[in-house]
PDB file of N, CA and C in Angstrom:
ATOM      1  N   MET A   1       2.747  -5.920   6.346  1.00  0.00           N
ATOM      2  CA  MET A   1       4.111  -5.544   6.910  1.00  0.00           C
ATOM      3  C   MET A   1       5.188  -6.294   6.416  1.00  0.00           C
ATOM      4  N   ILE A   2       4.955  -7.460   6.030  1.00  0.00           N
ATOM      5  CA  ILE A   2       6.246  -8.342   5.509  1.00  0.00           C
ATOM      6  C   ILE A   2       7.217  -7.846   4.487  1.00  0.00           C
ATOM      7  N   SER A   3       6.030  -7.367   3.297  1.00  0.00           N
ATOM      8  CA  SER A   3       6.499  -6.736   2.113  1.00  0.00           C
ATOM      9  C   SER A   3       7.360  -5.530   2.530  1.00  0.00           C
ATOM     10  N   ALA A   4       6.603  -4.646   3.372  1.00  0.00           N
ATOM     11  CA  ALA A   4       7.362  -3.496   3.815  1.00  0.00           C
ATOM     12  C   ALA A   4       8.664  -3.737   4.390  1.00  0.00           C
ATOM     13  N   VAL A   5       8.636  -4.579   5.123  1.00  0.00           N
ATOM     14  CA  VAL A   5       9.983  -4.837   5.957  1.00  0.00           C
ATOM     15  C   VAL A   5      10.846  -5.488   4.837  1.00  0.00           C
ATOM     16  N   TYR A   6      10.903  -6.206   3.870  1.00  0.00           N
ATOM     17  CA  TYR A   6      11.958  -6.538   3.285  1.00  0.00           C
ATOM     18  C   TYR A   6      12.221  -5.312   2.070  1.00  0.00           C
ATOM     19  N   GLU A   7      11.313  -4.082   1.609  1.00  0.00           N
ATOM     20  CA  GLU A   7      11.710  -3.290   1.050  1.00  0.00           C
ATOM     21  C   GLU A   7      12.409  -2.316   1.651  1.00  0.00           C
ATOM     22  N   SER A   8      12.495  -2.245   3.106  1.00  0.00           N
ATOM     23  CA  SER A   8      13.256  -1.495   3.669  1.00  0.00           C
ATOM     24  C   SER A   8      14.326  -2.042   4.229  1.00  0.00           C
ATOM     25  N   PHE A   9      15.129  -3.073   4.033  1.00  0.00           N
ATOM     26  CA  PHE A   9      16.091  -3.781   4.524  1.00  0.00           C
ATOM     27  C   PHE A   9      17.152  -2.951   3.942  1.00  0.00           C
ATOM     28  N   ARG A  10      18.210  -2.751   5.065  1.00  0.00           N
ATOM     29  CA  ARG A  10      19.508  -2.115   5.047  1.00  0.00           C
ATOM     30  C   ARG A  10      19.197  -0.568   4.699  1.00  0.00           C
ATOM     31  N   GLN A  11      18.019  -0.140   4.977  1.00  0.00           N
ATOM     32  CA  GLN A  11      17.655   1.373   4.912  1.00  0.00           C
ATOM     33  C   GLN A  11      17.387   1.808   6.348  1.00  0.00           C
ATOM     34  N   THR A  12      17.987   3.272   6.610  1.00  0.00           N
ATOM     35  CA  THR A  12      17.473   3.684   7.985  1.00  0.00           C
ATOM     36  C   THR A  12      16.503   4.823   7.738  1.00  0.00           C
ATOM     37  N   LEU A  13      15.209   4.722   8.132  1.00  0.00           N
ATOM     38  CA  LEU A  13      14.086   5.875   7.667  1.00  0.00           C
ATOM     39  C   LEU A  13      14.116   6.846   9.006  1.00  0.00           C
ATOM     40  N   GLU A  14      13.706   8.014   8.276  1.00  0.00           N
ATOM     41  CA  GLU A  14      13.431   9.398   9.076  1.00  0.00           C
ATOM     42  C   GLU A  14      12.549   8.800  10.510  1.00  0.00           C
ATOM     43  N   SER A  15      11.248   8.285  10.156  1.00  0.00           N
ATOM     44  CA  SER A  15      10.304   7.925  11.277  1.00  0.00           C
ATOM     45  C   SER A  15       9.891   6.277  10.837  1.00  0.00           C
ATOM     46  N   VAL A  16       9.579   5.795  11.832  1.00  0.00           N
ATOM     47  CA  VAL A  16       9.013   4.611  11.656  1.00  0.00           C
ATOM     48  C   VAL A  16       7.669   4.046  12.399  1.00  0.00           C
ATOM     49  N   ILE A  17       6.673   3.477  11.728  1.00  0.00           N
ATOM     50  CA  ILE A  17       5.288   3.322  12.410  1.00  0.00           C
ATOM     51  C   ILE A  17       5.386   1.734  12.339  1.00  0.00           C
ATOM     52  N   VAL A  18       5.337   0.770  13.160  1.00  0.00           N
ATOM     53  CA  VAL A  18       5.494  -0.573  13.227  1.00  0.00           C
ATOM     54  C   VAL A  18       4.076  -1.000  13.808  1.00  0.00           C
ATOM     55  N   ASP A  19       3.463  -2.083  12.978  1.00  0.00           N
ATOM     56  CA  ASP A  19       2.339  -2.832  13.747  1.00  0.00           C
ATOM     57  C   ASP A  19       2.703  -4.358  13.965  1.00  0.00           C
ATOM     58  N   ILE A  20       3.160  -4.637  15.421  1.00  0.00           N
ATOM     59  CA  ILE A  20       3.594  -5.947  15.293  1.00  0.00           C
ATOM     60  C   ILE A  20       2.552  -7.139  15.384  1.00  0.00           C
ATOM     61  N   ALA A  21       1.430  -6.891  14.939  1.00  0.00           N
ATOM     62  CA  ALA A  21       0.355  -7.855  15.679  1.00  0.00           C
ATOM     63  C   ALA A  21       0.574  -8.914  14.519  1.00  0.00           C
ATOM     64  N   THR A  22       0.145 -10.143  15.008  1.00  0.00           N
ATOM     65  CA  THR A  22       0.196 -11.581  14.193  1.00  0.00           C
ATOM     66  C   THR A  22      -0.645 -11.390  13.132  1.00  0.00           C
ATOM     67  N   PRO A  23      -0.553 -11.237  11.856  1.00  0.00           N
ATOM     68  CA  PRO A  23      -1.160 -11.382  10.766  1.00  0.00           C
ATOM     69  C   PRO A  23      -1.844 -12.735  10.933  1.00  0.00           C
ATOM     70  N   PRO A  24      -3.187 -12.583   9.742  1.00  0.00           N
ATOM     71  CA  PRO A  24      -4.115 -14.101   9.722  1.00  0.00           C
ATOM     72  C   PRO A  24      -3.211 -15.305   9.556  1.00  0.00           C
ATOM     73  N   SER A  25      -2.175 -15.067   8.133  1.00  0.00           N
ATOM     74  CA  SER A  25      -1.215 -15.930   8.053  1.00  0.00           C
ATOM     75  C   SER A  25      -0.453 -16.590   9.156  1.00  0.00           C
ATOM     76  N   GLY A  26      -0.128 -15.896  10.049  1.00  0.00           N
ATOM     77  CA  GLY A  26       0.560 -16.404  11.378  1.00  0.00           C
ATOM     78  C   GLY A  26       2.143 -16.100  10.762  1.00  0.00           C
ATOM     79  N   GLY A  27       2.125 -15.273   9.792  1.00  0.00           N
ATOM     80  CA  GLY A  27       3.506 -15.149   9.219  1.00  0.00           C
ATOM     81  C   GLY A  27       4.607 -14.178   9.989  1.00  0.00           C
ATOM     82  N   LEU A  28       4.215 -13.706  11.258  1.00  0.00           N
ATOM     83  CA  LEU A  28       5.159 -13.152  11.955  1.00  0.00           C
ATOM     84  C   LEU A  28       6.308 -13.655  12.734  1.00  0.00           C
ATOM     85  N   ASN A  29       7.389 -13.326  12.616  1.00  0.00           N
ATOM     86  CA  ASN A  29       8.752 -14.046  13.092  1.00  0.00           C
ATOM     87  C   ASN A  29       9.526 -13.084  13.732  1.00  0.00           C
ATOM     88  N   LEU A  30      10.429 -13.588  14.430  1.00  0.00           N
ATOM     89  CA  LEU A  30      11.460 -12.680  15.304  1.00  0.00           C
ATOM     90  C   LEU A  30      12.418 -11.895  14.200  1.00  0.00           C
ATOM     91  N   PHE A  31      12.647 -12.240  12.789  1.00  0.00           N
ATOM     92  CA  PHE A  31      13.617 -11.646  11.876  1.00  0.00           C
ATOM     93  C   PHE A  31      12.681 -10.429  11.185  1.00  0.00           C
ATOM     94  N   ASN A  32      11.638 -10.812  10.979  1.00  0.00           N
ATOM     95  CA  ASN A  32      10.707  -9.499  10.715  1.00  0.00           C
ATOM     96  C   ASN A  32      10.478  -8.743  11.470  1.00  0.00           C
ATOM     97  N   SER A  33      10.116  -9.043  12.529  1.00  0.00           N
ATOM     98  CA  SER A  33       9.790  -8.035  13.741  1.00  0.00           C
ATOM     99  C   SER A  33      11.272  -7.164  14.108  1.00  0.00           C
ATOM    100  N   TYR A  34      12.118  -7.757  14.056  1.00  0.00           N
ATOM    101  CA  TYR A  34      13.664  -6.956  14.341  1.00  0.00           C
ATOM    102  C   TYR A  34      13.879  -6.296  12.967  1.00  0.00           C
ATOM    103  N   VAL A  35      13.675  -6.567  11.768  1.00  0.00           N
ATOM    104  CA  VAL A  35      14.109  -5.674  10.867  1.00  0.00           C
ATOM    105  C   VAL A  35      13.339  -4.385  10.620  1.00  0.00           C
ATOM    106  N   ALA A  36      11.520  -4.360  11.358  1.00  0.00           N
ATOM    107  CA  ALA A  36      10.983  -3.635  11.177  1.00  0.00           C
ATOM    108  C   ALA A  36      11.366  -2.483  12.365  1.00  0.00           C
ATOM    109  N   LEU A  37      11.794  -3.197  13.199  1.00  0.00           N
ATOM    110  CA  LEU A  37      11.817  -2.162  14.475  1.00  0.00           C
ATOM    111  C   LEU A  37      13.287  -1.464  14.228  1.00  0.00           C
ATOM    112  N   SER A  38      14.347  -2.249  13.561  1.00  0.00           N
ATOM    113  CA  SER A  38      15.483  -1.489  13.375  1.00  0.00           C
ATOM    114  C   SER A  38      15.529  -0.518  12.656  1.00  0.00           C
ATOM    115  N   ARG A  39      14.629  -0.349  11.645  1.00  0.00           N
ATOM    116  CA  ARG A  39      14.889   0.836  10.659  1.00  0.00           C
ATOM    117  C   ARG A  39      14.771   2.112  11.005  1.00  0.00           C
ATOM    118  N   SER A  40      14.394   2.516  12.403  1.00  0.00           N
ATOM    119  CA  SER A  40      14.401   3.812  12.825  1.00  0.00           C
ATOM    120  C   SER A  40      15.785   4.111  13.390  1.00  0.00           C
ATOM    121  N   PRO A  41      16.151   5.552  13.204  1.00  0.00           N
ATOM    122  CA  PRO A  41      17.173   5.954  13.681  1.00  0.00           C
ATOM    123  C   PRO A  41      17.375   5.609  15.500  1.00  0.00           C
ATOM    124  N   GLY A  42      16.403   5.600  16.171  1.00  0.00           N
ATOM    125  CA  GLY A  42      16.257   5.747  17.539  1.00  0.00           C
ATOM    126  C   GLY A  42      14.774   5.826  18.016  1.00  0.00           C
ATOM    127  N   ARG A  43      14.429   5.285  19.658  1.00  0.00           N
ATOM    128  CA  ARG A  43      13.329   5.394  20.002  1.00  0.00           C
ATOM    129  C   ARG A  43      12.205   6.476  19.558  1.00  0.00           C
ATOM    130  N   SER A  44      12.753   7.756  19.820  1.00  0.00           N
ATOM    131  CA  SER A  44      12.118   8.919  19.528  1.00  0.00           C
ATOM    132  C   SER A  44      11.400   8.784  18.162  1.00  0.00           C
ATOM    133  N   GLN A  45      11.719   8.505  17.266  1.00  0.00           N
ATOM    134  CA  GLN A  45      11.581   7.976  15.891  1.00  0.00           C
ATOM    135  C   GLN A  45      10.773   6.765  15.374  1.00  0.00           C
ATOM    136  N   LEU A  46      10.232   6.072  16.232  1.00  0.00           N
ATOM    137  CA  LEU A  46       9.545   4.888  16.684  1.00  0.00           C
ATOM    138  C   LEU A  46       8.430   4.949  17.051  1.00  0.00           C
ATOM    139  N   CYS A  47       7.311   4.453  16.189  1.00  0.00           N
ATOM    140  CA  CYS A  47       5.940   4.303  16.858  1.00  0.00           C
ATOM    141  C   CYS A  47       5.130   2.715  16.752  1.00  0.00           C
ATOM    142  N   ILE A  48       5.044   2.127  17.775  1.00  0.00           N
ATOM    143  CA  ILE A  48       4.306   1.174  17.883  1.00  0.00           C
ATOM    144  C   ILE A  48       2.805   1.131  17.896  1.00  0.00           C
ATOM    145  N   LEU A  49       2.177   0.667  16.945  1.00  0.00           N
ATOM    146  CA  LEU A  49       0.626   0.967  16.735  1.00  0.00           C
ATOM    147  C   LEU A  49       0.134   0.149  18.135  1.00  0.00           C
ATOM    148  N   ARG A  50       0.046  -0.683  18.585  1.00  0.00           N
ATOM    149  CA  ARG A  50      -0.883  -1.522  19.479  1.00  0.00           C
ATOM    150  C   ARG A  50       0.248  -2.489  20.401  1.00  0.00           C
ATOM    151  N   ASP A  51      -0.249  -2.661  21.359  1.00  0.00           N
ATOM    152  CA  ASP A  51       0.405  -4.007  21.989  1.00  0.00           C
ATOM    153  C   ASP A  51       0.710  -5.267  21.400  1.00  0.00           C
ATOM    154  N   PHE A  52       1.591  -5.865  21.790  1.00  0.00           N
ATOM    155  CA  PHE A  52       1.990  -7.371  21.134  1.00  0.00           C
ATOM    156  C   PHE A  52       2.607  -8.123  22.131  1.00  0.00           C
ATOM    157  N   ASP A  53       2.860  -9.586  21.852  1.00  0.00           N
ATOM    158  CA  ASP A  53       2.870 -10.432  22.503  1.00  0.00           C
ATOM    159  C   ASP A  53       4.390 -10.368  22.613  1.00  0.00           C
ATOM    160  N   ASP A  54       5.018 -10.075  23.799  1.00  0.00           N
ATOM    161  CA  ASP A  54       6.447 -10.091  24.099  1.00  0.00           C
ATOM    162  C   ASP A  54       7.214 -11.285  23.794  1.00  0.00           C
ATOM    163  N   ASN A  55       6.560 -12.229  23.912  1.00  0.00           N
ATOM    164  CA  ASN A  55       7.201 -13.695  23.730  1.00  0.00           C
ATOM    165  C   ASN A  55       8.179 -14.039  22.354  1.00  0.00           C
ATOM    166  N   ILE A  56       7.632 -12.988  21.156  1.00  0.00           N
ATOM    167  CA  ILE A  56       8.100 -13.082  20.017  1.00  0.00           C
ATOM    168  C   ILE A  56       9.540 -12.898  20.120  1.00  0.00           C
ATOM    169  N   PHE A  57       9.857 -12.090  20.882  1.00  0.00           N
ATOM    170  CA  PHE A  57      11.283 -11.871  20.982  1.00  0.00           C
ATOM    171  C   PHE A  57      12.072 -12.794  21.898  1.00  0.00           C
ATOM    172  N   LEU A  58      11.775 -13.399  22.558  1.00  0.00           N
ATOM    173  CA  LEU A  58      11.998 -14.791  23.337  1.00  0.00           C
ATOM    174  C   LEU A  58      12.198 -15.841  22.845  1.00  0.00           C
ATOM    175  N   LYS A  59      11.749 -15.904  21.509  1.00  0.00           N
ATOM    176  CA  LYS A  59      11.475 -17.683  20.634  1.00  0.00           C
ATOM    177  C   LYS A  59      13.152 -17.078  20.233  1.00  0.00           C
ATOM    178  N   SER A  60      13.968 -18.575  19.745  1.00  0.00           N
ATOM    179  CA  SER A  60      14.971 -18.707  18.818  1.00  0.00           C
ATOM    180  C   SER A  60      14.320 -18.470  17.300  1.00  0.00           C
ATOM    181  N   HIS A  61      15.348 -17.988  16.570  1.00  0.00           N
ATOM    182  CA  HIS A  61      14.854 -18.133  15.066  1.00  0.00           C
ATOM    183  C   HIS A  61      15.262 -19.332  14.406  1.00  0.00           C
TER     184      HIS A  61
END
């Protein structure tokens, strides 16, 4: 996910599928999650693949 996040930086995509699971490296953070989620033009074009830990959005970067 992380490399795809950086490749999509400053782009809006027609539709987005996001997996916010913590990778084995533990490299998931607020910035990566925000960028991945913000690439879609709206909720109807966004699909989150699985449940995730809400606390990732409560931590400071």
